[in-house]
């Protein structure tokens, strides 16, 4: 991440159709979800690029939707590294993930992956993300993907 862009809170993203043209080719949208199947929690993480027609997903068992949101970030970084993009514009529906990437991550790293003397949740995932982000130029934004439009009717 660019040091001059470090802030403590993530910013809200504009609608996709209002993004600058130079940003659209390197924009990835992430999401994660979780639900019960039988007696087990099942999670799924997904990444999508509307302009490059890139889509990837991962799934597993026994974790939460927040875990899936973090896994989706790893998938986005995988795409960025594999495609050798010069920049990543990362859009997430999770305020927790957005704020972690914007400021908490650096603080957690400085505090040896602890908060108030206790290990942070999902430390191995966050450590992997932090190490990989050091080599990338990334801009993170939050999108309100889980809201109904005013025109929505049932």
C-alpha atoms as a PDB file:
ATOM      1  CA  UNK A   1       0.000   0.000   0.000  1.00  0.00           C
ATOM      2  CA  UNK A   2       1.149   3.509  -0.613  1.00  0.00           C
ATOM      3  CA  UNK A   3       2.363   5.045   2.683  1.00  0.00           C
ATOM      4  CA  UNK A   4       0.732   8.401   1.926  1.00  0.00           C
ATOM      5  CA  UNK A   5      -2.629   6.625   1.638  1.00  0.00           C
ATOM      6  CA  UNK A   6      -2.527   5.032   5.101  1.00  0.00           C
ATOM      7  CA  UNK A   7      -5.607   5.965   7.090  1.00  0.00           C
ATOM      8  CA  UNK A   8      -7.406   4.400  10.005  1.00  0.00           C
ATOM      9  CA  UNK A   9     -10.748   3.898   8.232  1.00  0.00           C
ATOM     10  CA  UNK A  10     -11.495   2.624   4.753  1.00  0.00           C
ATOM     11  CA  UNK A  11     -13.367   4.795   2.303  1.00  0.00           C
ATOM     12  CA  UNK A  12     -16.679   4.063   0.661  1.00  0.00           C
ATOM     13  CA  UNK A  13     -16.437   3.272  -3.046  1.00  0.00           C
ATOM     14  CA  UNK A  14     -18.356   5.013  -5.804  1.00  0.00           C
ATOM     15  CA  UNK A  15     -20.626   2.902  -8.025  1.00  0.00           C
ATOM     16  CA  UNK A  16     -18.687   0.812 -10.545  1.00  0.00           C
ATOM     17  CA  UNK A  17     -19.994   2.828 -13.504  1.00  0.00           C
ATOM     18  CA  UNK A  18     -18.476   5.964 -11.945  1.00  0.00           C
ATOM     19  CA  UNK A  19     -14.966   4.581 -11.507  1.00  0.00           C
ATOM     20  CA  UNK A  20     -12.189   6.270 -13.496  1.00  0.00           C
ATOM     21  CA  UNK A  21     -11.490   4.372 -16.725  1.00  0.00           C
ATOM     22  CA  UNK A  22      -7.848   3.699 -15.756  1.00  0.00           C
ATOM     23  CA  UNK A  23      -9.052   2.018 -12.547  1.00  0.00           C
ATOM     24  CA  UNK A  24     -11.578  -0.409 -14.069  1.00  0.00           C
ATOM     25  CA  UNK A  25      -9.092  -2.894 -15.629  1.00  0.00           C
ATOM     26  CA  UNK A  26      -7.463  -3.527 -12.251  1.00  0.00           C
ATOM     27  CA  UNK A  27     -10.610  -3.586 -10.106  1.00  0.00           C
ATOM     28  CA  UNK A  28     -11.510  -6.748  -8.213  1.00  0.00           C
ATOM     29  CA  UNK A  29     -14.658  -7.200  -6.153  1.00  0.00           C
ATOM     30  CA  UNK A  30     -14.562  -9.660  -3.248  1.00  0.00           C
ATOM     31  CA  UNK A  31     -17.197 -11.289  -1.094  1.00  0.00           C
ATOM     32  CA  UNK A  32     -17.513 -14.109   1.381  1.00  0.00           C
ATOM     33  CA  UNK A  33     -20.427 -15.972   2.864  1.00  0.00           C
ATOM     34  CA  UNK A  34     -21.231 -18.771   5.245  1.00  0.00           C
ATOM     35  CA  UNK A  35     -24.249 -20.967   5.896  1.00  0.00           C
ATOM     36  CA  UNK A  36     -25.172 -24.213   7.593  1.00  0.00           C
ATOM     37  CA  UNK A  37     -25.352 -27.377   5.507  1.00  0.00           C
ATOM     38  CA  UNK A  38     -26.659 -30.225   7.613  1.00  0.00           C
ATOM     39  CA  UNK A  39     -24.808 -29.721  10.886  1.00  0.00           C
ATOM     40  CA  UNK A  40     -21.738 -27.999   9.427  1.00  0.00           C
ATOM     41  CA  UNK A  41     -20.815 -24.422   8.648  1.00  0.00           C
ATOM     42  CA  UNK A  42     -19.795 -24.039   4.974  1.00  0.00           C
ATOM     43  CA  UNK A  43     -18.020 -20.916   3.732  1.00  0.00           C
ATOM     44  CA  UNK A  44     -17.362 -19.612   0.237  1.00  0.00           C
ATOM     45  CA  UNK A  45     -15.069 -16.808  -0.931  1.00  0.00           C
ATOM     46  CA  UNK A  46     -15.327 -15.199  -4.359  1.00  0.00           C
ATOM     47  CA  UNK A  47     -13.538 -12.601  -6.490  1.00  0.00           C
ATOM     48  CA  UNK A  48     -14.811 -11.044  -9.699  1.00  0.00           C
ATOM     49  CA  UNK A  49     -13.537  -8.566 -12.282  1.00  0.00           C
ATOM     50  CA  UNK A  50     -16.262  -7.187 -14.546  1.00  0.00           C
ATOM     51  CA  UNK A  51     -13.853  -5.936 -17.217  1.00  0.00           C
ATOM     52  CA  UNK A  52     -11.402  -8.823 -17.413  1.00  0.00           C
ATOM     53  CA  UNK A  53     -13.986 -11.562 -16.937  1.00  0.00           C
ATOM     54  CA  UNK A  54     -11.895 -13.008 -14.127  1.00  0.00           C
ATOM     55  CA  UNK A  55     -13.733 -14.972 -11.475  1.00  0.00           C
ATOM     56  CA  UNK A  56     -12.363 -17.261  -8.793  1.00  0.00           C
ATOM     57  CA  UNK A  57     -13.826 -18.945  -5.757  1.00  0.00           C
ATOM     58  CA  UNK A  58     -12.758 -21.091  -2.832  1.00  0.00           C
ATOM     59  CA  UNK A  59     -14.847 -22.917  -0.277  1.00  0.00           C
ATOM     60  CA  UNK A  60     -14.498 -24.939   2.858  1.00  0.00           C
ATOM     61  CA  UNK A  61     -16.045 -26.037   6.098  1.00  0.00           C
ATOM     62  CA  UNK A  62     -15.948 -24.989   9.727  1.00  0.00           C
ATOM     63  CA  UNK A  63     -15.286 -21.258   9.418  1.00  0.00           C
ATOM     64  CA  UNK A  64     -17.277 -18.019   9.434  1.00  0.00           C
ATOM     65  CA  UNK A  65     -18.335 -15.513   6.806  1.00  0.00           C
ATOM     66  CA  UNK A  66     -15.585 -13.165   8.076  1.00  0.00           C
ATOM     67  CA  UNK A  67     -13.062 -15.922   7.393  1.00  0.00           C
ATOM     68  CA  UNK A  68     -14.491 -16.225   3.871  1.00  0.00           C
ATOM     69  CA  UNK A  69     -14.127 -12.453   3.378  1.00  0.00           C
ATOM     70  CA  UNK A  70     -10.436 -12.694   4.285  1.00  0.00           C
ATOM     71  CA  UNK A  71      -9.931 -15.713   1.988  1.00  0.00           C
ATOM     72  CA  UNK A  72     -11.472 -13.656  -0.833  1.00  0.00           C
ATOM     73  CA  UNK A  73      -8.743 -11.050  -0.303  1.00  0.00           C
ATOM     74  CA  UNK A  74      -6.122 -13.785  -0.684  1.00  0.00           C
ATOM     75  CA  UNK A  75      -7.776 -14.848  -3.953  1.00  0.00           C
ATOM     76  CA  UNK A  76      -7.663 -11.259  -5.223  1.00  0.00           C
ATOM     77  CA  UNK A  77      -3.970 -11.037  -4.385  1.00  0.00           C
ATOM     78  CA  UNK A  78      -3.427 -14.379  -6.179  1.00  0.00           C
ATOM     79  CA  UNK A  79      -4.969 -12.924  -9.353  1.00  0.00           C
ATOM     80  CA  UNK A  80      -2.964  -9.701  -9.090  1.00  0.00           C
ATOM     81  CA  UNK A  81       0.325 -11.587  -8.666  1.00  0.00           C
ATOM     82  CA  UNK A  82      -0.419 -14.158 -11.366  1.00  0.00           C
ATOM     83  CA  UNK A  83      -1.494 -11.529 -13.916  1.00  0.00           C
ATOM     84  CA  UNK A  84       1.371  -9.204 -12.896  1.00  0.00           C
ATOM     85  CA  UNK A  85      -0.935  -6.209 -12.561  1.00  0.00           C
ATOM     86  CA  UNK A  86       0.769  -2.867 -11.822  1.00  0.00           C
ATOM     87  CA  UNK A  87      -2.023  -1.919  -9.408  1.00  0.00           C
ATOM     88  CA  UNK A  88      -4.975  -3.471  -7.587  1.00  0.00           C
ATOM     89  CA  UNK A  89      -8.196  -1.637  -6.777  1.00  0.00           C
ATOM     90  CA  UNK A  90      -9.791  -3.890  -4.209  1.00  0.00           C
ATOM     91  CA  UNK A  91     -13.498  -3.608  -3.413  1.00  0.00           C
ATOM     92  CA  UNK A  92     -14.861  -5.479  -0.404  1.00  0.00           C
ATOM     93  CA  UNK A  93     -18.292  -5.634   1.217  1.00  0.00           C
ATOM     94  CA  UNK A  94     -16.714  -6.173   4.646  1.00  0.00           C
ATOM     95  CA  UNK A  95     -15.928  -3.075   6.700  1.00  0.00           C
ATOM     96  CA  UNK A  96     -13.792  -5.272   8.974  1.00  0.00           C
ATOM     97  CA  UNK A  97     -11.637  -6.387   6.040  1.00  0.00           C
ATOM     98  CA  UNK A  98     -11.474  -2.901   4.529  1.00  0.00           C
ATOM     99  CA  UNK A  99     -10.389  -1.308   7.797  1.00  0.00           C
ATOM    100  CA  UNK A 100      -7.909  -4.101   8.498  1.00  0.00           C
ATOM    101  CA  UNK A 101      -6.258  -3.518   5.133  1.00  0.00           C
ATOM    102  CA  UNK A 102      -6.272   0.267   5.553  1.00  0.00           C
ATOM    103  CA  UNK A 103      -4.723   0.548   8.975  1.00  0.00           C
ATOM    104  CA  UNK A 104      -5.211  -2.247  11.438  1.00  0.00           C
ATOM    105  CA  UNK A 105      -2.868  -4.571   9.533  1.00  0.00           C
ATOM    106  CA  UNK A 106       0.154  -2.315  10.091  1.00  0.00           C
ATOM    107  CA  UNK A 107      -0.757  -1.909  13.755  1.00  0.00           C
ATOM    108  CA  UNK A 108      -1.177  -5.661  14.241  1.00  0.00           C
ATOM    109  CA  UNK A 109       2.200  -6.261  12.621  1.00  0.00           C
ATOM    110  CA  UNK A 110       3.889  -3.669  14.889  1.00  0.00           C
ATOM    111  CA  UNK A 111       2.260  -5.375  17.887  1.00  0.00           C
ATOM    112  CA  UNK A 112       3.514  -8.836  16.880  1.00  0.00           C
ATOM    113  CA  UNK A 113       0.075  -9.895  15.599  1.00  0.00           C
ATOM    114  CA  UNK A 114      -1.570  -9.202  18.935  1.00  0.00           C
ATOM    115  CA  UNK A 115      -4.258  -6.830  20.148  1.00  0.00           C
ATOM    116  CA  UNK A 116      -4.467  -6.005  23.843  1.00  0.00           C
ATOM    117  CA  UNK A 117      -2.016  -8.800  24.567  1.00  0.00           C
ATOM    118  CA  UNK A 118      -4.002 -11.509  22.780  1.00  0.00           C
ATOM    119  CA  UNK A 119      -3.356 -13.027  19.342  1.00  0.00           C
ATOM    120  CA  UNK A 120      -5.497 -11.469  16.637  1.00  0.00           C
ATOM    121  CA  UNK A 121      -8.151 -13.594  14.986  1.00  0.00           C
ATOM    122  CA  UNK A 122      -6.940 -15.492  11.872  1.00  0.00           C
ATOM    123  CA  UNK A 123      -3.356 -14.313  12.379  1.00  0.00           C
ATOM    124  CA  UNK A 124      -1.832 -16.704   9.779  1.00  0.00           C
ATOM    125  CA  UNK A 125      -4.169 -15.372   7.061  1.00  0.00           C
ATOM    126  CA  UNK A 126      -3.452 -11.753   7.955  1.00  0.00           C
ATOM    127  CA  UNK A 127       0.314 -12.403   8.092  1.00  0.00           C
ATOM    128  CA  UNK A 128       0.203 -13.899   4.589  1.00  0.00           C
ATOM    129  CA  UNK A 129      -1.803 -10.949   3.283  1.00  0.00           C
ATOM    130  CA  UNK A 130       0.510  -8.401   4.950  1.00  0.00           C
ATOM    131  CA  UNK A 131       3.644  -9.974   3.471  1.00  0.00           C
ATOM    132  CA  UNK A 132       2.145 -10.075  -0.017  1.00  0.00           C
ATOM    133  CA  UNK A 133       0.762  -6.528   0.122  1.00  0.00           C
ATOM    134  CA  UNK A 134       4.251  -5.179   0.794  1.00  0.00           C
ATOM    135  CA  UNK A 135       5.092  -6.028  -2.831  1.00  0.00           C
ATOM    136  CA  UNK A 136       1.910  -4.563  -4.364  1.00  0.00           C
ATOM    137  CA  UNK A 137       0.304  -1.188  -4.917  1.00  0.00           C
ATOM    138  CA  UNK A 138      -3.250  -1.572  -3.606  1.00  0.00           C
ATOM    139  CA  UNK A 139      -6.161   0.788  -3.061  1.00  0.00           C
ATOM    140  CA  UNK A 140      -8.943  -0.599  -0.859  1.00  0.00           C
ATOM    141  CA  UNK A 141     -12.548   0.554  -0.856  1.00  0.00           C
ATOM    142  CA  UNK A 142     -15.766  -0.605   0.750  1.00  0.00           C
ATOM    143  CA  UNK A 143     -18.889  -1.278  -1.316  1.00  0.00           C
ATOM    144  CA  UNK A 144     -22.442  -1.556  -0.036  1.00  0.00           C
ATOM    145  CA  UNK A 145     -23.347  -4.767  -1.824  1.00  0.00           C
ATOM    146  CA  UNK A 146     -25.790  -6.119   0.723  1.00  0.00           C
ATOM    147  CA  UNK A 147     -28.395  -3.387   0.547  1.00  0.00           C
ATOM    148  CA  UNK A 148     -31.601  -3.364  -1.429  1.00  0.00           C
ATOM    149  CA  UNK A 149     -32.132  -0.591  -3.934  1.00  0.00           C
ATOM    150  CA  UNK A 150     -35.059   1.735  -3.406  1.00  0.00           C
ATOM    151  CA  UNK A 151     -36.614   0.337  -6.573  1.00  0.00           C
ATOM    152  CA  UNK A 152     -36.601  -3.239  -5.263  1.00  0.00           C
ATOM    153  CA  UNK A 153     -40.036  -4.812  -5.075  1.00  0.00           C
ATOM    154  CA  UNK A 154     -41.126  -8.238  -3.926  1.00  0.00           C
END
